[in-house]
């Protein structure tokens, strides 16, 4: 089966978060960077789990969790941006996670209405 847009984008975003995590670690930011790594990579993991869902309800549950993780990731990115704990501009990642949130929200809403 071909990879979906959300699978591709969430995987690419996870790779970007891993690189960002490494940069944050090199700048001695250890606490928020771990939170960001956990939530930012969890988005794609939940999307992957959703592709193997046993039912529509299971699919909806996994995509909903991915959506929540995306929102949490946006929170950590905004916190890092505004706190100046690291000398990194997070705007690109914030824009990317906003796109993931929009896609995941559409998937969840569509799935709910077609149930």
C-alpha atoms as a PDB file:
ATOM      1  CA  UNK A   1       0.000   0.000   0.000  1.00  0.00           C
ATOM      2  CA  UNK A   2       1.287   3.470  -0.880  1.00  0.00           C
ATOM      3  CA  UNK A   3       2.324   5.829   1.884  1.00  0.00           C
ATOM      4  CA  UNK A   4      -0.297   8.495   2.614  1.00  0.00           C
ATOM      5  CA  UNK A   5       0.380  12.218   2.767  1.00  0.00           C
ATOM      6  CA  UNK A   6      -0.004  12.254   6.554  1.00  0.00           C
ATOM      7  CA  UNK A   7       2.360   9.291   6.938  1.00  0.00           C
ATOM      8  CA  UNK A   8       5.004  11.000   4.810  1.00  0.00           C
ATOM      9  CA  UNK A   9       4.655  14.412   6.447  1.00  0.00           C
ATOM     10  CA  UNK A  10       4.578  13.089  10.012  1.00  0.00           C
ATOM     11  CA  UNK A  11       7.659  10.924   9.368  1.00  0.00           C
ATOM     12  CA  UNK A  12       9.575  13.844   7.826  1.00  0.00           C
ATOM     13  CA  UNK A  13       8.516  16.023  10.752  1.00  0.00           C
ATOM     14  CA  UNK A  14       9.784  13.404  13.231  1.00  0.00           C
ATOM     15  CA  UNK A  15      13.180  13.419  11.491  1.00  0.00           C
ATOM     16  CA  UNK A  16      13.247  17.197  11.729  1.00  0.00           C
ATOM     17  CA  UNK A  17      12.382  17.041  15.436  1.00  0.00           C
ATOM     18  CA  UNK A  18      15.254  14.590  16.018  1.00  0.00           C
ATOM     19  CA  UNK A  19      17.679  17.048  14.377  1.00  0.00           C
ATOM     20  CA  UNK A  20      16.228  19.875  16.448  1.00  0.00           C
ATOM     21  CA  UNK A  21      16.607  17.756  19.586  1.00  0.00           C
ATOM     22  CA  UNK A  22      20.300  17.268  18.822  1.00  0.00           C
ATOM     23  CA  UNK A  23      20.757  21.031  18.379  1.00  0.00           C
ATOM     24  CA  UNK A  24      18.960  21.734  21.641  1.00  0.00           C
ATOM     25  CA  UNK A  25      21.097  19.167  23.465  1.00  0.00           C
ATOM     26  CA  UNK A  26      24.268  20.780  22.089  1.00  0.00           C
ATOM     27  CA  UNK A  27      23.017  24.107  23.488  1.00  0.00           C
ATOM     28  CA  UNK A  28      22.540  22.462  26.911  1.00  0.00           C
ATOM     29  CA  UNK A  29      18.734  22.447  26.815  1.00  0.00           C
ATOM     30  CA  UNK A  30      17.847  19.058  28.245  1.00  0.00           C
ATOM     31  CA  UNK A  31      14.375  19.241  29.793  1.00  0.00           C
ATOM     32  CA  UNK A  32      12.061  20.754  27.181  1.00  0.00           C
ATOM     33  CA  UNK A  33      14.012  19.110  24.363  1.00  0.00           C
ATOM     34  CA  UNK A  34      13.076  15.660  25.707  1.00  0.00           C
ATOM     35  CA  UNK A  35       9.417  16.639  25.880  1.00  0.00           C
ATOM     36  CA  UNK A  36       9.621  17.908  22.310  1.00  0.00           C
ATOM     37  CA  UNK A  37      11.342  14.719  21.112  1.00  0.00           C
ATOM     38  CA  UNK A  38       8.715  12.523  22.754  1.00  0.00           C
ATOM     39  CA  UNK A  39       5.647  14.351  21.455  1.00  0.00           C
ATOM     40  CA  UNK A  40       7.108  15.264  18.049  1.00  0.00           C
ATOM     41  CA  UNK A  41       8.003  11.686  17.166  1.00  0.00           C
ATOM     42  CA  UNK A  42       4.808  10.293  18.667  1.00  0.00           C
ATOM     43  CA  UNK A  43       2.696  11.975  15.981  1.00  0.00           C
ATOM     44  CA  UNK A  44       4.040   9.734  13.229  1.00  0.00           C
ATOM     45  CA  UNK A  45       4.064   6.663  15.451  1.00  0.00           C
ATOM     46  CA  UNK A  46       0.329   7.043  16.087  1.00  0.00           C
ATOM     47  CA  UNK A  47      -0.347   7.684  12.394  1.00  0.00           C
ATOM     48  CA  UNK A  48       1.511   4.453  11.588  1.00  0.00           C
ATOM     49  CA  UNK A  49      -0.521   2.563  14.175  1.00  0.00           C
ATOM     50  CA  UNK A  50      -3.713   3.985  12.668  1.00  0.00           C
ATOM     51  CA  UNK A  51      -2.845   2.510   9.284  1.00  0.00           C
ATOM     52  CA  UNK A  52      -3.024  -0.948  10.870  1.00  0.00           C
ATOM     53  CA  UNK A  53      -6.179  -0.219  12.846  1.00  0.00           C
ATOM     54  CA  UNK A  54      -8.504  -3.130  13.506  1.00  0.00           C
ATOM     55  CA  UNK A  55     -11.621  -1.005  13.103  1.00  0.00           C
ATOM     56  CA  UNK A  56     -12.827   2.461  12.174  1.00  0.00           C
ATOM     57  CA  UNK A  57     -13.089   3.239  15.887  1.00  0.00           C
ATOM     58  CA  UNK A  58      -9.467   2.137  16.444  1.00  0.00           C
ATOM     59  CA  UNK A  59      -8.362   4.257  13.449  1.00  0.00           C
ATOM     60  CA  UNK A  60     -10.203   7.271  14.836  1.00  0.00           C
ATOM     61  CA  UNK A  61      -8.665   6.760  18.270  1.00  0.00           C
ATOM     62  CA  UNK A  62      -5.087   6.605  16.924  1.00  0.00           C
ATOM     63  CA  UNK A  63      -5.568   9.618  14.647  1.00  0.00           C
ATOM     64  CA  UNK A  64      -7.084  11.552  17.557  1.00  0.00           C
ATOM     65  CA  UNK A  65      -4.038  10.752  19.691  1.00  0.00           C
ATOM     66  CA  UNK A  66      -1.754  11.864  16.831  1.00  0.00           C
ATOM     67  CA  UNK A  67      -3.694  15.136  16.672  1.00  0.00           C
ATOM     68  CA  UNK A  68      -3.292  15.671  20.420  1.00  0.00           C
ATOM     69  CA  UNK A  69       0.439  14.935  20.205  1.00  0.00           C
ATOM     70  CA  UNK A  70       0.744  17.483  17.393  1.00  0.00           C
ATOM     71  CA  UNK A  71      -0.899  20.117  19.568  1.00  0.00           C
ATOM     72  CA  UNK A  72       1.391  19.246  22.457  1.00  0.00           C
ATOM     73  CA  UNK A  73       4.396  19.515  20.154  1.00  0.00           C
ATOM     74  CA  UNK A  74       3.252  22.965  19.066  1.00  0.00           C
ATOM     75  CA  UNK A  75       3.079  23.968  22.733  1.00  0.00           C
ATOM     76  CA  UNK A  76       6.692  22.877  23.381  1.00  0.00           C
ATOM     77  CA  UNK A  77       7.898  24.621  20.218  1.00  0.00           C
ATOM     78  CA  UNK A  78       6.149  27.858  21.196  1.00  0.00           C
ATOM     79  CA  UNK A  79       7.530  27.619  24.720  1.00  0.00           C
ATOM     80  CA  UNK A  80      11.058  27.120  23.406  1.00  0.00           C
ATOM     81  CA  UNK A  81      10.609  29.985  20.919  1.00  0.00           C
ATOM     82  CA  UNK A  82       9.331  32.453  23.502  1.00  0.00           C
ATOM     83  CA  UNK A  83      11.595  31.455  26.385  1.00  0.00           C
ATOM     84  CA  UNK A  84      14.863  31.999  24.488  1.00  0.00           C
ATOM     85  CA  UNK A  85      16.334  28.905  26.156  1.00  0.00           C
ATOM     86  CA  UNK A  86      18.165  28.194  22.904  1.00  0.00           C
ATOM     87  CA  UNK A  87      19.361  30.349  20.050  1.00  0.00           C
ATOM     88  CA  UNK A  88      17.176  28.631  17.441  1.00  0.00           C
ATOM     89  CA  UNK A  89      14.288  29.975  15.395  1.00  0.00           C
ATOM     90  CA  UNK A  90      11.443  27.466  15.693  1.00  0.00           C
ATOM     91  CA  UNK A  91       9.047  29.198  13.271  1.00  0.00           C
ATOM     92  CA  UNK A  92       9.524  26.668  10.479  1.00  0.00           C
ATOM     93  CA  UNK A  93       8.737  23.757  12.795  1.00  0.00           C
ATOM     94  CA  UNK A  94       5.721  25.618  14.189  1.00  0.00           C
ATOM     95  CA  UNK A  95       4.425  26.080  10.632  1.00  0.00           C
ATOM     96  CA  UNK A  96       4.980  22.401   9.878  1.00  0.00           C
ATOM     97  CA  UNK A  97       3.171  21.225  12.989  1.00  0.00           C
ATOM     98  CA  UNK A  98       0.302  23.614  12.191  1.00  0.00           C
ATOM     99  CA  UNK A  99      -0.015  21.849   8.832  1.00  0.00           C
ATOM    100  CA  UNK A 100      -0.029  18.443  10.548  1.00  0.00           C
ATOM    101  CA  UNK A 101      -2.719  19.670  12.952  1.00  0.00           C
ATOM    102  CA  UNK A 102      -4.885  20.831  10.034  1.00  0.00           C
ATOM    103  CA  UNK A 103      -4.515  17.499   8.199  1.00  0.00           C
ATOM    104  CA  UNK A 104      -5.141  15.399  11.311  1.00  0.00           C
ATOM    105  CA  UNK A 105      -8.163  17.503  12.289  1.00  0.00           C
ATOM    106  CA  UNK A 106      -9.630  16.977   8.819  1.00  0.00           C
ATOM    107  CA  UNK A 107      -9.007  13.219   9.011  1.00  0.00           C
ATOM    108  CA  UNK A 108     -10.645  12.967  12.441  1.00  0.00           C
ATOM    109  CA  UNK A 109     -13.662  15.079  11.423  1.00  0.00           C
ATOM    110  CA  UNK A 110     -14.148  13.180   8.169  1.00  0.00           C
ATOM    111  CA  UNK A 111     -13.860   9.830   9.905  1.00  0.00           C
ATOM    112  CA  UNK A 112     -16.403  10.880  12.541  1.00  0.00           C
ATOM    113  CA  UNK A 113     -18.949  12.046   9.964  1.00  0.00           C
ATOM    114  CA  UNK A 114     -18.628   8.927   7.823  1.00  0.00           C
ATOM    115  CA  UNK A 115     -18.979   6.529  10.758  1.00  0.00           C
END
